[in-house]
C-alpha atoms as a PDB file:
ATOM      1  CA  GLN A   1      -6.214  -0.494  19.041  1.00  0.00           C
ATOM      2  CA  VAL A   2      -3.517   0.205  16.230  1.00  0.00           C
ATOM      3  CA  LYS A   3      -4.942   1.435  12.662  1.00  0.00           C
ATOM      4  CA  VAL A   4      -2.899  -0.354   9.746  1.00  0.00           C
ATOM      5  CA  ASP A   5      -2.949   1.106   6.342  1.00  0.00           C
ATOM      6  CA  TYR A   6      -1.070  -0.511   3.536  1.00  0.00           C
ATOM      7  CA  ILE A   7       1.154   1.453   1.246  1.00  0.00           C
ATOM      8  CA  TRP A   8       1.423   0.266  -2.541  1.00  0.00           C
ATOM      9  CA  HIS A   9       5.041  -0.521  -3.631  1.00  0.00           C
ATOM     10  CA  GLN A  10       4.420   2.097  -6.586  1.00  0.00           C
ATOM     11  CA  GLU A  11       3.691   5.046  -3.781  1.00  0.00           C
ATOM     12  CA  GLU A  12       6.198   7.626  -3.703  1.00  0.00           C
ATOM     13  CA  LYS A  13       4.958  10.075  -0.893  1.00  0.00           C
ATOM     14  CA  PRO A  14       2.958   8.454   1.944  1.00  0.00           C
ATOM     15  CA  LYS A  15       2.859  10.435   5.154  1.00  0.00           C
ATOM     16  CA  GLY A  16       1.376  10.342   8.614  1.00  0.00           C
ATOM     17  CA  PHE A  17       3.071   6.767   9.977  1.00  0.00           C
ATOM     18  CA  ASP A  18       4.529   6.123  13.114  1.00  0.00           C
ATOM     19  CA  CYS A  19       6.236   2.911  11.709  1.00  0.00           C
ATOM     20  CA  LEU A  20       6.534   1.522   8.212  1.00  0.00           C
ATOM     21  CA  ILE A  21       6.739  -2.272   8.074  1.00  0.00           C
ATOM     22  CA  LEU A  22       8.090  -4.184   5.057  1.00  0.00           C
ATOM     23  CA  PRO A  23       6.663  -7.698   5.607  1.00  0.00           C
ATOM     24  CA  GLY A  24       7.922 -11.268   4.295  1.00  0.00           C
ATOM     25  CA  GLY A  25       7.211 -12.666   1.282  1.00  0.00           C
ATOM     26  CA  PHE A  26       8.593 -12.804  -2.223  1.00  0.00           C
ATOM     27  CA  SER A  27       8.938  -9.533  -3.710  1.00  0.00           C
ATOM     28  CA  TYR A  28       9.200  -9.520  -7.491  1.00  0.00           C
ATOM     29  CA  GLY A  29       9.679 -13.174  -7.135  1.00  0.00           C
ATOM     30  CA  ASP A  30      12.856 -12.920  -5.587  1.00  0.00           C
ATOM     31  CA  TYR A  31      14.286 -13.901  -9.199  1.00  0.00           C
ATOM     32  CA  LEU A  32      17.553 -11.907  -9.189  1.00  0.00           C
ATOM     33  CA  ARG A  33      18.517 -12.023  -5.717  1.00  0.00           C
ATOM     34  CA  CYS A  34      15.933 -11.655  -2.386  1.00  0.00           C
ATOM     35  CA  GLY A  35      14.771  -7.869  -2.401  1.00  0.00           C
ATOM     36  CA  ALA A  36      17.480  -6.779  -5.178  1.00  0.00           C
ATOM     37  CA  ILE A  37      14.901  -5.426  -7.415  1.00  0.00           C
ATOM     38  CA  ALA A  38      12.376  -4.475  -4.501  1.00  0.00           C
ATOM     39  CA  ARG A  39      14.736  -1.979  -3.431  1.00  0.00           C
ATOM     40  CA  PHE A  40      13.938   0.140  -6.458  1.00  0.00           C
ATOM     41  CA  SER A  41      10.442   0.377  -5.868  1.00  0.00           C
ATOM     42  CA  PRO A  42       9.368   4.173  -5.679  1.00  0.00           C
ATOM     43  CA  VAL A  43       8.271   3.537  -2.199  1.00  0.00           C
ATOM     44  CA  MET A  44      11.539   2.789  -0.971  1.00  0.00           C
ATOM     45  CA  GLU A  45      12.676   6.284  -1.284  1.00  0.00           C
ATOM     46  CA  CYS A  46      10.339   7.335   1.128  1.00  0.00           C
ATOM     47  CA  VAL A  47      11.447   4.626   3.615  1.00  0.00           C
ATOM     48  CA  GLN A  48      14.831   5.842   3.351  1.00  0.00           C
ATOM     49  CA  ASP A  49      13.985   9.262   4.259  1.00  0.00           C
ATOM     50  CA  PHE A  50      11.706   8.056   6.877  1.00  0.00           C
ATOM     51  CA  ALA A  51      14.221   5.927   8.558  1.00  0.00           C
ATOM     52  CA  GLU A  52      16.815   8.949   7.994  1.00  0.00           C
ATOM     53  CA  GLN A  53      14.401  11.310   9.878  1.00  0.00           C
ATOM     54  CA  GLY A  54      14.267   8.973  12.687  1.00  0.00           C
ATOM     55  CA  GLY A  55      11.324   7.054  11.908  1.00  0.00           C
ATOM     56  CA  LEU A  56      10.686   3.629  12.932  1.00  0.00           C
ATOM     57  CA  VAL A  57      10.901   0.750  10.035  1.00  0.00           C
ATOM     58  CA  LEU A  58      10.568  -3.051  10.619  1.00  0.00           C
ATOM     59  CA  GLY A  59      11.832  -5.384   7.884  1.00  0.00           C
ATOM     60  CA  ILE A  60      10.609  -9.230   8.388  1.00  0.00           C
ATOM     61  CA  CYS A  61      12.058 -11.772   6.401  1.00  0.00           C
ATOM     62  CA  ASN A  62      11.975 -10.353   2.517  1.00  0.00           C
ATOM     63  CA  GLY A  63      11.474  -6.908   4.257  1.00  0.00           C
ATOM     64  CA  PHE A  64      14.814  -7.573   6.257  1.00  0.00           C
ATOM     65  CA  GLN A  65      16.579  -8.555   2.972  1.00  0.00           C
ATOM     66  CA  ILE A  66      15.145  -5.298   1.251  1.00  0.00           C
ATOM     67  CA  LEU A  67      16.440  -3.227   4.015  1.00  0.00           C
ATOM     68  CA  LEU A  68      20.046  -4.639   3.714  1.00  0.00           C
ATOM     69  CA  GLU A  69      19.727  -4.696  -0.149  1.00  0.00           C
ATOM     70  CA  CYS A  70      18.729  -0.722  -0.135  1.00  0.00           C
ATOM     71  CA  GLY A  71      21.663  -0.294   2.933  1.00  0.00           C
ATOM     72  CA  LEU A  72      19.611   0.894   5.730  1.00  0.00           C
ATOM     73  CA  LEU A  73      21.094  -2.226   7.381  1.00  0.00           C
ATOM     74  CA  PRO A  74      24.429  -3.314   7.152  1.00  0.00           C
ATOM     75  CA  GLY A  75      25.402  -6.845   5.619  1.00  0.00           C
ATOM     76  CA  ALA A  76      23.919  -9.307   3.185  1.00  0.00           C
ATOM     77  CA  MET A  77      21.926 -12.396   2.871  1.00  0.00           C
ATOM     78  CA  LEU A  78      23.334 -15.224   1.345  1.00  0.00           C
ATOM     79  CA  ARG A  79      22.027 -18.859   0.215  1.00  0.00           C
ATOM     80  CA  ASN A  80      20.928 -20.850   3.186  1.00  0.00           C
ATOM     81  CA  GLN A  81      23.948 -23.363   4.382  1.00  0.00           C
ATOM     82  CA  GLY A  82      23.056 -26.464   2.711  1.00  0.00           C
ATOM     83  CA  LEU A  83      21.316 -24.732  -0.183  1.00  0.00           C
ATOM     84  CA  LYS A  84      17.998 -25.807   1.314  1.00  0.00           C
ATOM     85  CA  PHE A  85      14.633 -23.914   1.956  1.00  0.00           C
ATOM     86  CA  VAL A  86      14.275 -23.863   5.626  1.00  0.00           C
ATOM     87  CA  CYS A  87      10.504 -23.903   7.297  1.00  0.00           C
ATOM     88  CA  GLN A  88      10.653 -24.605  10.870  1.00  0.00           C
ATOM     89  CA  PHE A  89       9.919 -23.300  14.190  1.00  0.00           C
ATOM     90  CA  ILE A  90      12.973 -21.952  15.935  1.00  0.00           C
ATOM     91  CA  TYR A  91      14.109 -20.069  18.957  1.00  0.00           C
ATOM     92  CA  VAL A  92      15.782 -16.717  19.411  1.00  0.00           C
ATOM     93  CA  ARG A  93      17.537 -15.247  22.019  1.00  0.00           C
ATOM     94  CA  VAL A  94      16.930 -11.513  22.717  1.00  0.00           C
ATOM     95  CA  ASP A  95      20.449  -9.690  22.894  1.00  0.00           C
ATOM     96  CA  ASN A  96      19.422  -6.462  22.878  1.00  0.00           C
ATOM     97  CA  ASN A  97      16.259  -4.997  24.196  1.00  0.00           C
ATOM     98  CA  GLN A  98      17.147  -1.534  24.024  1.00  0.00           C
ATOM     99  CA  ILE A  99      15.011  -0.415  20.587  1.00  0.00           C
ATOM    100  CA  PRO A 100      11.494   0.415  20.384  1.00  0.00           C
ATOM    101  CA  PHE A 101      10.642  -2.972  18.530  1.00  0.00           C
ATOM    102  CA  THR A 102      12.215  -5.371  21.589  1.00  0.00           C
ATOM    103  CA  GLY A 103      11.487  -3.114  24.723  1.00  0.00           C
ATOM    104  CA  ALA A 104       9.093  -5.489  26.098  1.00  0.00           C
ATOM    105  CA  ALA A 105      11.286  -8.373  26.050  1.00  0.00           C
ATOM    106  CA  GLN A 106      14.029  -9.160  28.834  1.00  0.00           C
ATOM    107  CA  PRO A 107      17.601  -9.480  27.729  1.00  0.00           C
ATOM    108  CA  GLY A 108      18.326 -13.153  27.243  1.00  0.00           C
ATOM    109  CA  GLN A 109      14.696 -13.732  26.727  1.00  0.00           C
ATOM    110  CA  VAL A 110      13.826 -16.961  24.426  1.00  0.00           C
ATOM    111  CA  LEU A 111      11.231 -16.585  21.837  1.00  0.00           C
ATOM    112  CA  GLN A 112       9.766 -19.242  19.530  1.00  0.00           C
ATOM    113  CA  LEU A 113       9.259 -18.117  16.087  1.00  0.00           C
ATOM    114  CA  PRO A 114       8.760 -19.315  12.722  1.00  0.00           C
ATOM    115  CA  VAL A 115      11.285 -19.445   9.979  1.00  0.00           C
ATOM    116  CA  LYS A 116      10.912 -19.706   5.948  1.00  0.00           C
ATOM    117  CA  HIS A 117      13.297 -18.575   3.441  1.00  0.00           C
ATOM    118  CA  ASN A 118      15.968 -19.908   1.160  1.00  0.00           C
ATOM    119  CA  GLU A 119      18.459 -16.964   1.897  1.00  0.00           C
ATOM    120  CA  GLY A 120      18.876 -16.085   5.371  1.00  0.00           C
ATOM    121  CA  ASN A 121      22.277 -16.715   5.662  1.00  0.00           C
ATOM    122  CA  TYR A 122      23.305 -13.367   7.487  1.00  0.00           C
ATOM    123  CA  TYR A 123      27.093 -12.546   6.616  1.00  0.00           C
ATOM    124  CA  VAL A 124      28.898  -9.132   7.094  1.00  0.00           C
ATOM    125  CA  GLU A 125      32.716  -8.655   6.951  1.00  0.00           C
ATOM    126  CA  GLU A 126      34.556  -9.136  10.323  1.00  0.00           C
ATOM    127  CA  GLU A 127      35.435  -5.615  11.238  1.00  0.00           C
ATOM    128  CA  THR A 128      31.598  -4.362  10.866  1.00  0.00           C
ATOM    129  CA  LEU A 129      30.629  -7.494  13.057  1.00  0.00           C
ATOM    130  CA  LYS A 130      32.892  -6.273  15.798  1.00  0.00           C
ATOM    131  CA  GLU A 131      31.443  -2.603  15.392  1.00  0.00           C
ATOM    132  CA  MET A 132      27.924  -3.865  15.268  1.00  0.00           C
ATOM    133  CA  LYS A 133      28.677  -5.637  18.405  1.00  0.00           C
ATOM    134  CA  ARG A 134      30.440  -2.766  20.119  1.00  0.00           C
ATOM    135  CA  ARG A 135      27.154  -0.800  19.152  1.00  0.00           C
ATOM    136  CA  GLY A 136      24.615  -3.149  20.385  1.00  0.00           C
ATOM    137  CA  GLN A 137      23.125  -3.684  17.060  1.00  0.00           C
ATOM    138  CA  ILE A 138      22.789  -7.642  17.367  1.00  0.00           C
ATOM    139  CA  VAL A 139      19.313  -7.925  18.587  1.00  0.00           C
ATOM    140  CA  LEU A 140      18.433 -11.576  18.020  1.00  0.00           C
ATOM    141  CA  ARG A 141      20.380 -14.716  17.975  1.00  0.00           C
ATOM    142  CA  TYR A 142      19.353 -18.330  17.053  1.00  0.00           C
ATOM    143  CA  SER A 143      19.669 -20.149  20.023  1.00  0.00           C
ATOM    144  CA  THR A 144      18.444 -23.289  21.852  1.00  0.00           C
ATOM    145  CA  LYS A 145      15.069 -23.319  24.211  1.00  0.00           C
ATOM    146  CA  GLU A 146      17.383 -22.448  26.989  1.00  0.00           C
ATOM    147  CA  GLY A 147      19.079 -19.556  25.184  1.00  0.00           C
ATOM    148  CA  VAL A 148      22.326 -21.167  24.681  1.00  0.00           C
ATOM    149  CA  VAL A 149      23.813 -20.118  21.309  1.00  0.00           C
ATOM    150  CA  THR A 150      24.927 -23.167  19.283  1.00  0.00           C
ATOM    151  CA  ARG A 151      25.483 -24.081  15.745  1.00  0.00           C
ATOM    152  CA  GLU A 152      22.982 -26.711  15.513  1.00  0.00           C
ATOM    153  CA  ALA A 153      20.221 -23.775  16.896  1.00  0.00           C
ATOM    154  CA  ASN A 154      21.128 -21.762  13.766  1.00  0.00           C
ATOM    155  CA  PRO A 155      18.661 -23.071  10.795  1.00  0.00           C
ATOM    156  CA  ASN A 156      20.295 -21.166   7.877  1.00  0.00           C
ATOM    157  CA  GLY A 157      24.194 -20.622   8.797  1.00  0.00           C
ATOM    158  CA  ALA A 158      23.684 -17.246   9.818  1.00  0.00           C
ATOM    159  CA  LEU A 159      27.185 -15.706  10.895  1.00  0.00           C
ATOM    160  CA  ASP A 160      27.354 -15.731  14.788  1.00  0.00           C
ATOM    161  CA  ASN A 161      23.656 -17.177  14.701  1.00  0.00           C
ATOM    162  CA  ILE A 162      22.442 -13.640  13.986  1.00  0.00           C
ATOM    163  CA  ALA A 163      18.520 -13.759  13.199  1.00  0.00           C
ATOM    164  CA  GLY A 164      18.131 -10.282  13.840  1.00  0.00           C
ATOM    165  CA  ILE A 165      20.091  -6.427  14.103  1.00  0.00           C
ATOM    166  CA  CYS A 166      19.284  -2.925  13.977  1.00  0.00           C
ATOM    167  CA  ASN A 167      21.122   0.105  12.410  1.00  0.00           C
ATOM    168  CA  GLU A 168      23.080   2.763  14.726  1.00  0.00           C
ATOM    169  CA  ARG A 169      20.302   4.982  15.567  1.00  0.00           C
ATOM    170  CA  LYS A 170      18.411   1.827  16.883  1.00  0.00           C
ATOM    171  CA  ASN A 171      15.328   2.922  14.793  1.00  0.00           C
ATOM    172  CA  VAL A 172      15.232   0.339  11.723  1.00  0.00           C
ATOM    173  CA  PHE A 173      15.217  -3.452  12.720  1.00  0.00           C
ATOM    174  CA  GLY A 174      15.313  -6.247  10.460  1.00  0.00           C
ATOM    175  CA  LEU A 175      14.780 -10.009  11.350  1.00  0.00           C
ATOM    176  CA  MET A 176      14.406 -13.187   9.427  1.00  0.00           C
ATOM    177  CA  PRO A 177      11.980 -15.088  11.718  1.00  0.00           C
ATOM    178  CA  HIS A 178       8.125 -14.102  11.364  1.00  0.00           C
ATOM    179  CA  PRO A 179       6.667 -12.602  14.389  1.00  0.00           C
ATOM    180  CA  GLU A 180       3.553 -11.709  13.062  1.00  0.00           C
END
């Protein structure tokens, strides 16, 4: 059994956690840009310190956007291709199961998960993408039910069908689909 404690965004020194999870939702209404204001919450300094010390950090949807905004993960989120809110079940293929968050999955395993977002179009510069691929930082990619990565399987226009990435140390993981 796992004990879960909630941390308020204004907390500055939460301690004693094995993993920090930034859930989906709409932080500060996402008025400026998804995660842009939340990255300045007092608790984010703790999240960054925790990650830098090797602690596990998971960002789901808006949590992923916040991790991008605060620099714990590379890249940025753009408005969905077609400029429409996406709310549907999709398939993702596990491309890297060598991180703590995907260790129970098989390489190439396909998962069906829901997505619900307006800004899930992941983007990163071409050189950074090459480095991320080389380092195994691409964790999940939008795919068909059979695990084939196609343009049609991509619900938001994300670069290279990227649905989830990790940092170089593999202890910070962000994904747009909602596994919770």
